[in-house]
Amino acid sequence: MAKNINSESSTGPTHREKRQAKKAAKREAKIRRKEALRNASTGVKIRNAALNVITCCLIGIILVCGYKIGTTLWQYHVAKSAYTNISEKTAKVDPKQFTGVVDWKALKKTNSDVQGWLYQKDSPINYPVVQGTDNDTYLHTRFDGQWSGGGTLFVDSRMEANFRGFNTIIYGHHMRDGSMFRSLRGYTKEEGYYDSHKTLELATPHGNYHLQVFSAYITKATDPKTYKVAYDGKEDKQSYIDHAFQQSELGIGEEEISVTPKDQIVTLSTCAYDYEEARYIVVCKMVPWTKAEVAAGKEAQKAKDKK
């Protein structure tokens, strides 16, 4: 006897239900893909926005830095041109051939604070030296009265004028372009520098002097022995001389360059960056030009003026 099979008693999904389930799965997958795309798009937008902000900041930094560098270079150029003009046209000093002859009348007309002219062969030092009523004015005031980052070489205002005292301290900036007193670092930082720069030349309205370098060292700006401005007698002066020799990194002694309390000294000072408030110091003995040297300088100047 044949069995009666009831088709509706099957527990599996019908064909229709399977189609509907597939469609639902496709719709769900499509929704998930759209959501993923939306999320990805939002992330990209955020990243792009962040990159734009960073790019703008970097461009801004580059522009600001470029402006500052450009301004600094321009200031160096202006100062160099100004001092070249003062040297060649006002003072009539030729850095290629220093004769010791200086047009003091023209310099005093430009700046009555002028005390001398400092020169060194094979170095950038070729500048007028002034002395004001304080130690601040000429830090950023050029010889012609204009503002300048490099200022002017100046004598400590507390010291005797016209290089008449036992010691005269001259201050100058350590400029990154090599100007003013930056070359002084060579005495303690460059091997062999002293051997080719043993002297400087100082011209003043009352006479010319060779400055024989006998000491170079680094000290603090607050060093009371180095920056002493008054001396009480022979022993006090000898103490300064002894201190200069003791501190020196040049390796020369009094047997090579004799310095006594009867001599006059010039101390050159500029900033150093070895530590906070560090200073390069170069100490020199003033040796007057001989009459023959003065005469030869005048003859050389006359020959130059005729050209």
Protein backbone atom coordinates (compact mmCIF):
# COMPACT_ATOMS: atom_id res chain seq x y z
CA MET A 1 0.00 0.00 0.00
CA ALA A 2 1.56 3.30 -1.12
CA LYS A 3 2.51 5.92 1.56
CA ASN A 4 0.68 9.27 1.52
CA ILE A 5 3.42 11.92 1.50
CA ASN A 6 2.39 15.40 2.81
CA SER A 7 4.76 18.04 1.16
CA GLU A 8 3.90 20.76 3.73
CA SER A 9 5.35 18.66 6.55
CA SER A 10 9.00 19.45 5.37
CA THR A 11 11.03 21.53 7.91
CA GLY A 12 13.39 23.26 5.32
CA PRO A 13 12.84 26.82 3.86
CA THR A 14 10.94 27.12 0.69
CA HIS A 15 12.47 28.33 -2.54
CA ARG A 16 10.72 31.67 -2.14
CA GLU A 17 12.06 32.16 1.36
CA LYS A 18 15.58 31.43 0.12
CA ARG A 19 15.29 34.15 -2.55
CA GLN A 20 14.00 36.63 -0.01
CA ALA A 21 16.89 35.81 2.39
CA LYS A 22 19.47 36.32 -0.36
CA LYS A 23 17.95 39.69 -1.27
CA ALA A 24 17.99 40.75 2.37
CA ALA A 25 21.64 39.72 2.73
CA LYS A 26 22.55 41.69 -0.39
CA ARG A 27 20.74 44.77 0.90
CA GLU A 28 22.53 44.44 4.27
CA ALA A 29 25.89 44.06 2.56
CA LYS A 30 25.19 47.08 0.39
CA ILE A 31 24.25 49.15 3.43
CA ARG A 32 27.43 48.07 5.22
CA ARG A 33 29.54 48.98 2.18
CA LYS A 34 27.95 52.43 1.97
CA GLU A 35 28.51 52.95 5.70
CA ALA A 36 32.14 51.89 5.37
CA LEU A 37 32.61 54.26 2.44
CA ARG A 38 31.05 57.10 4.43
CA ASN A 39 33.34 56.38 7.39
CA ALA A 40 36.38 56.12 5.14
CA SER A 41 35.45 59.38 3.42
CA THR A 42 35.13 61.14 6.77
CA GLY A 43 38.57 59.83 7.88
CA VAL A 44 40.16 60.97 4.64
CA LYS A 45 38.60 64.40 5.03
CA ILE A 46 39.92 64.67 8.58
CA ARG A 47 43.40 63.58 7.51
CA ASN A 48 43.39 66.00 4.59
CA ALA A 49 42.25 68.83 6.82
CA ALA A 50 45.00 68.03 9.32
CA LEU A 51 47.60 67.90 6.55
CA ASN A 52 46.40 71.25 5.23
CA VAL A 53 46.75 72.80 8.68
CA ILE A 54 50.24 71.35 9.12
CA THR A 55 51.25 72.50 5.64
CA CYS A 56 50.00 76.03 6.33
CA CYS A 57 51.89 76.11 9.65
CA LEU A 58 55.11 74.93 7.99
CA ILE A 59 54.76 77.49 5.22
CA GLY A 60 54.18 80.16 7.85
CA ILE A 61 57.27 79.10 9.78
CA ILE A 62 59.36 79.06 6.59
CA LEU A 63 58.15 82.53 5.65
CA VAL A 64 58.84 83.96 9.11
CA CYS A 65 62.30 82.35 9.25
CA GLY A 66 63.05 83.51 5.73
CA TYR A 67 62.01 87.04 6.62
CA LYS A 68 64.19 87.06 9.73
CA ILE A 69 67.19 85.65 7.85
CA GLY A 70 66.68 88.09 5.01
CA THR A 71 66.37 91.00 7.44
CA THR A 72 69.51 89.97 9.29
CA LEU A 73 71.52 89.59 6.08
CA TRP A 74 70.30 92.98 4.90
CA GLN A 75 71.34 94.56 8.21
CA TYR A 76 74.79 92.99 7.87
CA HIS A 77 75.07 94.42 4.37
CA VAL A 78 73.97 97.90 5.45
CA ALA A 79 76.40 97.96 8.38
CA LYS A 80 79.30 96.70 6.27
CA SER A 81 78.61 99.29 3.58
CA ALA A 82 78.34 102.05 6.18
CA TYR A 83 81.68 101.19 7.81
CA THR A 84 83.37 100.79 4.46
CA ASN A 85 82.18 104.29 3.59
CA ILE A 86 83.37 105.65 6.95
CA SER A 87 86.76 104.02 6.48
CA GLU A 88 87.46 104.93 2.87
CA LYS A 89 85.60 108.23 2.43
CA THR A 90 85.55 109.79 5.89
CA ALA A 91 88.68 108.57 7.68
CA LYS A 92 90.63 107.96 4.45
CA VAL A 93 91.85 104.60 5.81
CA ASP A 94 92.69 101.92 3.27
CA PRO A 95 92.43 98.41 4.80
CA LYS A 96 94.80 97.09 2.13
CA GLN A 97 97.55 99.49 3.23
CA PHE A 98 97.28 100.95 6.70
CA THR A 99 99.47 104.05 6.87
CA GLY A 100 98.43 105.28 10.30
CA VAL A 101 97.16 108.51 8.77
CA VAL A 102 93.54 109.20 9.72
CA ASP A 103 91.36 112.21 8.91
CA TRP A 104 90.47 113.04 12.51
CA LYS A 105 88.78 116.28 11.58
CA ALA A 106 86.29 114.50 9.31
CA LEU A 107 85.70 111.73 11.88
CA LYS A 108 85.07 114.19 14.71
CA LYS A 109 82.64 116.05 12.50
CA THR A 110 80.69 112.81 12.06
CA ASN A 111 80.98 111.78 15.71
CA SER A 112 82.72 113.81 18.41
CA ASP A 113 82.99 110.71 20.64
CA VAL A 114 85.74 109.24 18.48
CA GLN A 115 88.83 108.17 20.44
CA GLY A 116 90.84 106.20 17.92
CA TRP A 117 90.96 103.84 14.96
CA LEU A 118 91.64 100.12 15.42
CA TYR A 119 93.08 98.04 12.58
CA GLN A 120 94.44 94.53 12.14
CA LYS A 121 95.95 93.14 8.97
CA ASP A 122 94.28 90.03 7.52
CA SER A 123 91.21 90.41 9.72
CA PRO A 124 87.91 92.33 9.47
CA ILE A 125 89.01 94.73 12.24
CA ASN A 126 89.15 98.19 10.69
CA TYR A 127 86.88 100.44 12.74
CA PRO A 128 86.65 103.71 14.60
CA VAL A 129 86.62 103.50 18.40
CA VAL A 130 84.40 105.76 20.48
CA GLN A 131 83.75 106.49 24.15
CA GLY A 132 80.31 107.56 25.30
CA THR A 133 78.87 108.63 28.63
CA ASP A 134 77.58 105.09 29.31
CA ASN A 135 78.17 101.52 28.18
CA ASP A 136 74.78 101.09 26.51
CA THR A 137 74.51 103.70 23.75
CA TYR A 138 76.99 102.21 21.32
CA LEU A 139 75.86 98.63 21.75
CA HIS A 140 73.40 99.21 18.89
CA THR A 141 74.35 102.63 17.57
CA ARG A 142 76.59 102.87 14.54
CA PHE A 143 79.39 105.45 14.37
CA ASP A 144 77.23 107.69 12.19
CA GLY A 145 74.41 107.64 14.74
CA GLN A 146 72.17 105.14 12.97
CA TRP A 147 70.78 102.00 14.61
CA SER A 148 72.82 98.88 13.96
CA GLY A 149 72.86 95.43 15.52
CA GLY A 150 76.65 95.51 15.51
CA GLY A 151 76.92 98.94 17.10
CA THR A 152 80.36 100.53 17.37
CA LEU A 153 83.60 99.55 19.09
CA PHE A 154 83.63 101.55 22.32
CA VAL A 155 85.82 102.23 25.34
CA ASP A 156 84.40 101.58 28.80
CA SER A 157 82.83 104.88 29.82
CA ARG A 158 84.34 104.64 33.32
CA MET A 159 87.92 104.63 32.07
CA GLU A 160 90.28 107.48 31.33
CA ALA A 161 89.71 108.96 27.86
CA ASN A 162 92.12 109.10 24.92
CA PHE A 163 93.98 105.92 25.94
CA ARG A 164 95.82 107.86 28.64
CA GLY A 165 95.31 105.38 31.49
CA PHE A 166 97.22 102.23 32.43
CA ASN A 167 94.51 100.03 30.86
CA THR A 168 91.78 100.79 28.35
CA ILE A 169 89.01 98.26 27.76
CA ILE A 170 87.40 98.22 24.30
CA TYR A 171 84.12 96.35 23.80
CA GLY A 172 82.78 95.03 20.51
CA HIS A 173 80.10 92.62 19.35
CA HIS A 174 80.76 89.04 18.22
CA MET A 175 78.86 89.21 14.90
CA ARG A 176 77.93 86.07 12.98
CA ASP A 177 78.99 87.59 9.65
CA GLY A 178 82.55 87.90 10.97
CA SER A 179 82.47 91.65 11.53
CA MET A 180 83.37 93.74 14.59
CA PHE A 181 85.22 91.61 17.19
CA ARG A 182 84.25 88.10 16.07
CA SER A 183 87.80 87.38 14.87
CA LEU A 184 89.09 87.63 18.46
CA ARG A 185 87.83 84.08 19.03
CA GLY A 186 90.68 82.91 16.82
CA TYR A 187 93.22 83.48 19.58
CA THR A 188 91.69 80.75 21.74
CA LYS A 189 89.85 78.64 19.14
CA GLU A 190 92.08 78.46 16.06
CA GLU A 191 95.47 76.79 16.06
CA GLY A 192 98.19 79.06 14.73
CA TYR A 193 95.98 82.16 14.74
CA TYR A 194 98.21 84.05 17.16
CA ASP A 195 101.30 83.38 15.03
CA SER A 196 99.80 85.32 12.13
CA HIS A 197 98.02 87.94 14.24
CA LYS A 198 100.50 88.98 16.90
CA THR A 199 99.70 92.68 16.67
CA LEU A 200 96.96 95.19 15.97
CA GLU A 201 97.37 98.86 15.12
CA LEU A 202 95.80 101.70 17.09
CA ALA A 203 95.77 105.22 15.67
CA THR A 204 94.72 108.10 17.92
CA PRO A 205 94.69 111.89 17.48
CA HIS A 206 97.79 112.14 19.71
CA GLY A 207 99.80 109.20 18.33
CA ASN A 208 99.89 105.71 16.85
CA TYR A 209 100.60 102.43 18.64
CA HIS A 210 101.37 98.82 17.87
CA LEU A 211 99.24 96.61 20.11
CA GLN A 212 101.33 93.56 20.98
CA VAL A 213 99.05 90.68 21.97
CA PHE A 214 100.41 88.92 25.06
CA SER A 215 97.32 87.24 26.52
CA ALA A 216 94.09 85.67 25.31
CA TYR A 217 91.55 83.73 27.34
CA ILE A 218 87.85 83.19 28.09
CA THR A 219 86.27 84.48 31.27
CA LYS A 220 82.92 85.55 32.72
CA ALA A 221 81.49 89.00 32.10
CA THR A 222 81.48 89.47 35.87
CA ASP A 223 85.20 88.74 36.31
CA PRO A 224 86.35 91.62 38.58
CA LYS A 225 90.05 91.17 37.80
CA THR A 226 89.64 91.35 34.04
CA TYR A 227 87.15 94.22 34.05
CA LYS A 228 88.92 96.34 36.62
CA VAL A 229 88.63 100.03 35.68
CA ALA A 230 90.74 101.75 38.35
CA TYR A 231 94.23 100.91 39.63
CA ASP A 232 95.79 101.91 42.93
CA GLY A 233 99.49 102.10 42.29
CA LYS A 234 102.22 99.85 40.96
CA GLU A 235 101.20 96.66 42.81
CA ASP A 236 97.62 96.88 41.56
CA LYS A 237 98.83 97.24 37.97
CA GLN A 238 101.28 94.36 38.35
CA SER A 239 98.46 92.20 39.70
CA TYR A 240 96.48 92.85 36.49
CA ILE A 241 99.49 91.94 34.33
CA ASP A 242 100.10 88.74 36.31
CA HIS A 243 96.44 87.76 36.04
CA ALA A 244 96.52 88.26 32.24
CA PHE A 245 99.58 86.03 31.84
CA GLN A 246 98.22 83.38 34.20
CA GLN A 247 94.88 83.14 32.41
CA SER A 248 96.31 83.24 28.90
CA GLU A 249 95.93 80.29 26.52
CA LEU A 250 98.66 81.55 24.17
CA GLY A 251 101.51 79.80 25.91
CA ILE A 252 103.82 82.84 25.97
CA GLY A 253 105.38 84.43 29.03
CA GLU A 254 107.00 87.67 30.15
CA GLU A 255 110.34 86.47 28.84
CA GLU A 256 108.91 86.82 25.33
CA ILE A 257 106.93 90.03 25.80
CA SER A 258 107.95 92.17 28.75
CA VAL A 259 105.05 94.05 30.33
CA THR A 260 105.51 96.28 33.39
CA PRO A 261 103.31 98.66 35.40
CA LYS A 262 104.99 101.52 33.53
CA ASP A 263 103.49 100.26 30.25
CA GLN A 264 100.02 101.00 28.92
CA ILE A 265 97.62 98.20 28.06
CA VAL A 266 94.55 97.75 25.85
CA THR A 267 92.08 94.97 26.65
CA LEU A 268 89.69 93.82 23.93
CA SER A 269 86.45 92.12 24.96
CA THR A 270 83.65 90.37 23.07
CA CYS A 271 80.99 87.74 23.69
CA ALA A 272 81.83 84.03 23.73
CA TYR A 273 79.38 81.13 23.76
CA ASP A 274 81.31 78.52 25.70
CA TYR A 275 79.04 79.06 28.69
CA GLU A 276 76.57 81.64 29.98
CA GLU A 277 77.97 85.19 30.08
CA ALA A 278 81.32 84.04 28.68
CA ARG A 279 83.70 86.56 27.11
CA TYR A 280 86.74 86.36 24.82
CA ILE A 281 89.55 88.53 26.17
CA VAL A 282 92.65 89.71 24.29
CA VAL A 283 95.18 91.82 26.20
CA CYS A 284 97.75 93.95 24.40
CA LYS A 285 100.74 96.10 25.26
CA MET A 286 100.79 99.58 23.67
CA VAL A 287 104.05 100.27 21.85
CA PRO A 288 104.34 103.74 20.25
CA TRP A 289 105.27 103.97 16.61
CA THR A 290 108.79 105.18 16.04
CA LYS A 291 109.37 108.53 14.34
CA ALA A 292 110.61 106.63 11.30
CA GLU A 293 107.37 104.58 11.15
CA VAL A 294 105.24 107.70 11.43
CA ALA A 295 107.23 109.42 8.66
CA ALA A 296 107.02 106.36 6.42
CA GLY A 297 103.27 106.21 6.97
CA LYS A 298 102.85 109.84 5.96
CA GLU A 299 104.91 109.32 2.80
CA ALA A 300 102.87 106.25 1.89
CA GLN A 301 99.66 108.22 2.41
CA LYS A 302 100.87 111.04 0.19
CA ALA A 303 101.69 108.55 -2.56
CA LYS A 304 98.25 107.02 -2.25
CA ASP A 305 96.53 110.42 -2.37
CA LYS A 306 98.29 111.28 -5.64
CA LYS A 307 96.89 108.22 -7.39
